[in-house]
Amino acid sequence: MARIGSNPVPFDDDVTVTVADDNTVSVEGPKGTLTESIDPDLTVKVSDGEVVVDRPTDPETSPIASWPEPLAHQEYGEGGDRWL
């Protein structure tokens, strides 16, 4: 697994993260709501103020290395400004 893909994505107490059955992650904060569809080959879990993504499929073909970027941009926005 890629090093960045194995890291959990933390979020603040005033942010709510939910995962739908179709692997759509919704992030709701004081300034709005964003959603991101995550590859169905990945499992997304929310626990203890962190989003954790796991790869139960073959590590050679799974897209785990690309998942943290969309989730990080939901909380921080393009350019790194925290806005949720």
N, C-alpha and C. Protein backbone atom coordinates (compact mmCIF):
# COMPACT_ATOMS: atom_id res chain seq x y z
N MET A 1 0.84 -1.17 0.00
CA MET A 1 0.00 0.00 0.00
C MET A 1 0.89 1.23 0.00
N ALA A 2 0.47 2.24 -0.72
CA ALA A 2 1.22 3.49 -0.74
C ALA A 2 1.21 4.12 0.64
N ARG A 3 2.28 4.79 0.99
CA ARG A 3 2.35 5.38 2.33
C ARG A 3 1.25 6.40 2.58
N ILE A 4 0.97 7.25 1.61
CA ILE A 4 -0.07 8.25 1.82
C ILE A 4 -1.45 7.61 1.87
N GLY A 5 -1.65 6.55 1.13
CA GLY A 5 -2.94 5.87 1.12
C GLY A 5 -3.27 5.16 2.41
N SER A 6 -2.27 4.84 3.21
CA SER A 6 -2.51 4.14 4.47
C SER A 6 -2.77 5.10 5.62
N ASN A 7 -2.66 6.40 5.39
CA ASN A 7 -2.86 7.39 6.45
C ASN A 7 -4.34 7.76 6.58
N PRO A 8 -4.86 7.84 7.81
CA PRO A 8 -6.23 8.32 7.99
C PRO A 8 -6.31 9.82 7.72
N VAL A 9 -7.50 10.28 7.35
CA VAL A 9 -7.74 11.70 7.11
C VAL A 9 -8.52 12.24 8.31
N PRO A 10 -7.90 13.08 9.15
CA PRO A 10 -8.60 13.61 10.32
C PRO A 10 -9.57 14.73 9.94
N PHE A 11 -10.59 14.91 10.80
CA PHE A 11 -11.50 16.03 10.60
C PHE A 11 -11.91 16.58 11.96
N ASP A 12 -12.32 17.85 11.98
CA ASP A 12 -12.67 18.55 13.21
C ASP A 12 -14.01 18.10 13.77
N ASP A 13 -14.28 18.47 15.02
CA ASP A 13 -15.52 18.10 15.68
C ASP A 13 -16.75 18.73 15.04
N ASP A 14 -16.59 19.90 14.42
CA ASP A 14 -17.74 20.55 13.79
C ASP A 14 -17.98 20.09 12.35
N VAL A 15 -17.26 19.06 11.93
CA VAL A 15 -17.43 18.48 10.59
C VAL A 15 -18.02 17.09 10.74
N THR A 16 -19.02 16.79 9.91
CA THR A 16 -19.67 15.48 9.91
C THR A 16 -19.34 14.77 8.61
N VAL A 17 -18.86 13.55 8.72
CA VAL A 17 -18.53 12.75 7.54
C VAL A 17 -19.42 11.51 7.56
N THR A 18 -20.10 11.26 6.43
CA THR A 18 -20.93 10.07 6.30
C THR A 18 -20.56 9.33 5.02
N VAL A 19 -20.74 8.02 5.06
CA VAL A 19 -20.45 7.17 3.90
C VAL A 19 -21.72 6.44 3.52
N ALA A 20 -22.19 6.63 2.28
CA ALA A 20 -23.40 5.96 1.80
C ALA A 20 -23.05 4.55 1.32
N ASP A 21 -24.07 3.75 1.07
CA ASP A 21 -23.88 2.37 0.62
C ASP A 21 -23.16 2.28 -0.72
N ASP A 22 -23.28 3.32 -1.54
CA ASP A 22 -22.62 3.32 -2.86
C ASP A 22 -21.21 3.91 -2.80
N ASN A 23 -20.64 4.02 -1.59
CA ASN A 23 -19.28 4.53 -1.37
C ASN A 23 -19.16 6.02 -1.69
N THR A 24 -20.24 6.76 -1.53
CA THR A 24 -20.20 8.20 -1.66
C THR A 24 -19.96 8.80 -0.29
N VAL A 25 -18.90 9.58 -0.18
CA VAL A 25 -18.55 10.22 1.09
C VAL A 25 -19.08 11.64 1.08
N SER A 26 -19.85 12.00 2.11
CA SER A 26 -20.36 13.36 2.26
C SER A 26 -19.68 14.00 3.45
N VAL A 27 -19.19 15.21 3.23
CA VAL A 27 -18.52 15.97 4.29
C VAL A 27 -19.33 17.24 4.49
N GLU A 28 -19.85 17.42 5.72
CA GLU A 28 -20.66 18.59 6.03
C GLU A 28 -19.98 19.38 7.14
N GLY A 29 -19.78 20.66 6.89
CA GLY A 29 -19.15 21.53 7.87
C GLY A 29 -19.90 22.83 7.99
N PRO A 30 -19.37 23.75 8.77
CA PRO A 30 -20.06 25.02 8.99
C PRO A 30 -20.29 25.84 7.72
N LYS A 31 -19.49 25.62 6.70
CA LYS A 31 -19.60 26.41 5.48
C LYS A 31 -20.21 25.66 4.29
N GLY A 32 -20.71 24.45 4.52
CA GLY A 32 -21.36 23.75 3.42
C GLY A 32 -21.13 22.26 3.43
N THR A 33 -21.61 21.63 2.35
CA THR A 33 -21.52 20.18 2.20
C THR A 33 -20.88 19.85 0.86
N LEU A 34 -20.01 18.85 0.89
CA LEU A 34 -19.38 18.35 -0.33
C LEU A 34 -19.52 16.84 -0.36
N THR A 35 -19.58 16.27 -1.58
CA THR A 35 -19.64 14.82 -1.72
C THR A 35 -18.58 14.38 -2.71
N GLU A 36 -18.11 13.15 -2.51
CA GLU A 36 -17.10 12.57 -3.40
C GLU A 36 -17.39 11.08 -3.52
N SER A 37 -17.44 10.58 -4.75
CA SER A 37 -17.62 9.15 -4.98
C SER A 37 -16.25 8.48 -4.91
N ILE A 38 -16.15 7.47 -4.07
CA ILE A 38 -14.91 6.73 -3.88
C ILE A 38 -15.03 5.40 -4.62
N ASP A 39 -13.93 4.96 -5.21
CA ASP A 39 -13.90 3.71 -5.96
C ASP A 39 -14.52 2.57 -5.14
N PRO A 40 -15.41 1.77 -5.75
CA PRO A 40 -16.06 0.69 -5.00
C PRO A 40 -15.11 -0.42 -4.55
N ASP A 41 -13.89 -0.46 -5.08
CA ASP A 41 -12.91 -1.44 -4.63
C ASP A 41 -12.31 -1.08 -3.27
N LEU A 42 -12.61 0.11 -2.78
CA LEU A 42 -12.09 0.56 -1.49
C LEU A 42 -13.20 0.58 -0.46
N THR A 43 -12.85 0.31 0.79
CA THR A 43 -13.82 0.43 1.88
C THR A 43 -13.49 1.69 2.67
N VAL A 44 -14.51 2.48 2.95
CA VAL A 44 -14.34 3.74 3.66
C VAL A 44 -15.05 3.62 5.00
N LYS A 45 -14.32 3.93 6.09
CA LYS A 45 -14.88 3.87 7.44
C LYS A 45 -14.60 5.19 8.14
N VAL A 46 -15.57 5.62 8.94
CA VAL A 46 -15.42 6.83 9.74
C VAL A 46 -15.41 6.42 11.20
N SER A 47 -14.33 6.77 11.91
CA SER A 47 -14.25 6.45 13.33
C SER A 47 -13.30 7.39 14.03
N ASP A 48 -13.67 7.80 15.23
CA ASP A 48 -12.83 8.62 16.10
C ASP A 48 -12.28 9.86 15.41
N GLY A 49 -13.11 10.56 14.66
CA GLY A 49 -12.69 11.80 14.02
C GLY A 49 -11.75 11.63 12.85
N GLU A 50 -11.75 10.44 12.25
CA GLU A 50 -10.89 10.17 11.11
C GLU A 50 -11.63 9.35 10.06
N VAL A 51 -11.26 9.57 8.81
CA VAL A 51 -11.74 8.74 7.71
C VAL A 51 -10.61 7.77 7.39
N VAL A 52 -10.95 6.47 7.40
CA VAL A 52 -9.96 5.44 7.13
C VAL A 52 -10.40 4.67 5.89
N VAL A 53 -9.52 4.55 4.93
CA VAL A 53 -9.81 3.82 3.69
C VAL A 53 -8.94 2.59 3.65
N ASP A 54 -9.56 1.45 3.33
CA ASP A 54 -8.84 0.19 3.27
C ASP A 54 -9.03 -0.42 1.89
N ARG A 55 -8.09 -1.25 1.52
CA ARG A 55 -8.11 -1.90 0.22
C ARG A 55 -8.19 -3.41 0.43
N PRO A 56 -9.38 -3.98 0.32
CA PRO A 56 -9.49 -5.44 0.49
C PRO A 56 -9.14 -6.22 -0.77
N THR A 57 -8.93 -5.54 -1.89
CA THR A 57 -8.64 -6.22 -3.16
C THR A 57 -7.14 -6.34 -3.38
N ASP A 58 -6.77 -6.82 -4.52
CA ASP A 58 -5.37 -7.02 -4.88
C ASP A 58 -4.60 -5.69 -4.82
N PRO A 59 -3.50 -5.63 -4.08
CA PRO A 59 -2.75 -4.38 -3.95
C PRO A 59 -2.12 -3.88 -5.25
N GLU A 60 -1.93 -4.72 -6.20
CA GLU A 60 -1.32 -4.29 -7.46
C GLU A 60 -2.30 -3.55 -8.38
N THR A 61 -3.61 -3.77 -8.18
CA THR A 61 -4.58 -3.17 -9.09
C THR A 61 -5.51 -2.18 -8.41
N SER A 62 -5.38 -1.97 -7.11
CA SER A 62 -6.30 -1.12 -6.39
C SER A 62 -5.89 0.36 -6.45
N PRO A 63 -6.87 1.26 -6.46
CA PRO A 63 -6.58 2.70 -6.56
C PRO A 63 -6.37 3.39 -5.22
N ILE A 64 -5.84 2.70 -4.22
CA ILE A 64 -5.73 3.27 -2.87
C ILE A 64 -4.88 4.54 -2.85
N ALA A 65 -3.87 4.65 -3.67
CA ALA A 65 -2.98 5.81 -3.60
C ALA A 65 -3.66 7.10 -4.01
N SER A 66 -4.80 7.02 -4.71
CA SER A 66 -5.43 8.24 -5.21
C SER A 66 -6.58 8.73 -4.34
N TRP A 67 -6.95 8.04 -3.26
CA TRP A 67 -8.13 8.47 -2.51
C TRP A 67 -7.93 9.64 -1.57
N PRO A 68 -6.77 9.84 -0.91
CA PRO A 68 -6.73 10.92 0.09
C PRO A 68 -6.86 12.31 -0.50
N GLU A 69 -6.40 12.52 -1.72
CA GLU A 69 -6.41 13.85 -2.29
C GLU A 69 -7.81 14.45 -2.39
N PRO A 70 -8.82 13.73 -2.95
CA PRO A 70 -10.16 14.33 -3.00
C PRO A 70 -10.72 14.61 -1.62
N LEU A 71 -10.49 13.72 -0.65
CA LEU A 71 -11.02 13.94 0.69
C LEU A 71 -10.32 15.11 1.37
N ALA A 72 -9.04 15.23 1.19
CA ALA A 72 -8.31 16.34 1.80
C ALA A 72 -8.77 17.67 1.21
N HIS A 73 -9.05 17.71 -0.10
CA HIS A 73 -9.51 18.94 -0.72
C HIS A 73 -10.90 19.32 -0.24
N GLN A 74 -11.71 18.34 0.20
CA GLN A 74 -13.03 18.68 0.71
C GLN A 74 -12.92 19.48 2.00
N GLU A 75 -11.97 19.12 2.84
CA GLU A 75 -11.84 19.86 4.09
C GLU A 75 -11.04 21.14 3.91
N TYR A 76 -9.99 21.09 3.11
CA TYR A 76 -9.09 22.22 3.00
C TYR A 76 -9.30 23.08 1.76
N GLY A 77 -9.96 22.57 0.75
CA GLY A 77 -10.18 23.34 -0.46
C GLY A 77 -8.93 23.41 -1.32
N GLU A 78 -9.09 23.79 -2.56
CA GLU A 78 -7.95 23.93 -3.45
C GLU A 78 -7.00 24.99 -2.89
N GLY A 79 -5.74 24.72 -2.90
CA GLY A 79 -4.75 25.66 -2.39
C GLY A 79 -4.48 25.54 -0.91
N GLY A 80 -5.20 24.67 -0.21
CA GLY A 80 -4.91 24.40 1.18
C GLY A 80 -5.62 25.28 2.19
N ASP A 81 -6.49 26.19 1.76
CA ASP A 81 -7.21 27.02 2.71
C ASP A 81 -8.32 26.22 3.38
N ARG A 82 -8.31 26.20 4.69
CA ARG A 82 -9.32 25.42 5.43
C ARG A 82 -10.64 26.18 5.37
N TRP A 83 -11.67 25.54 4.83
CA TRP A 83 -12.94 26.23 4.69
C TRP A 83 -14.14 25.43 5.14
N LEU A 84 -13.98 24.17 5.52
CA LEU A 84 -15.12 23.41 6.07
C LEU A 84 -15.01 23.35 7.56
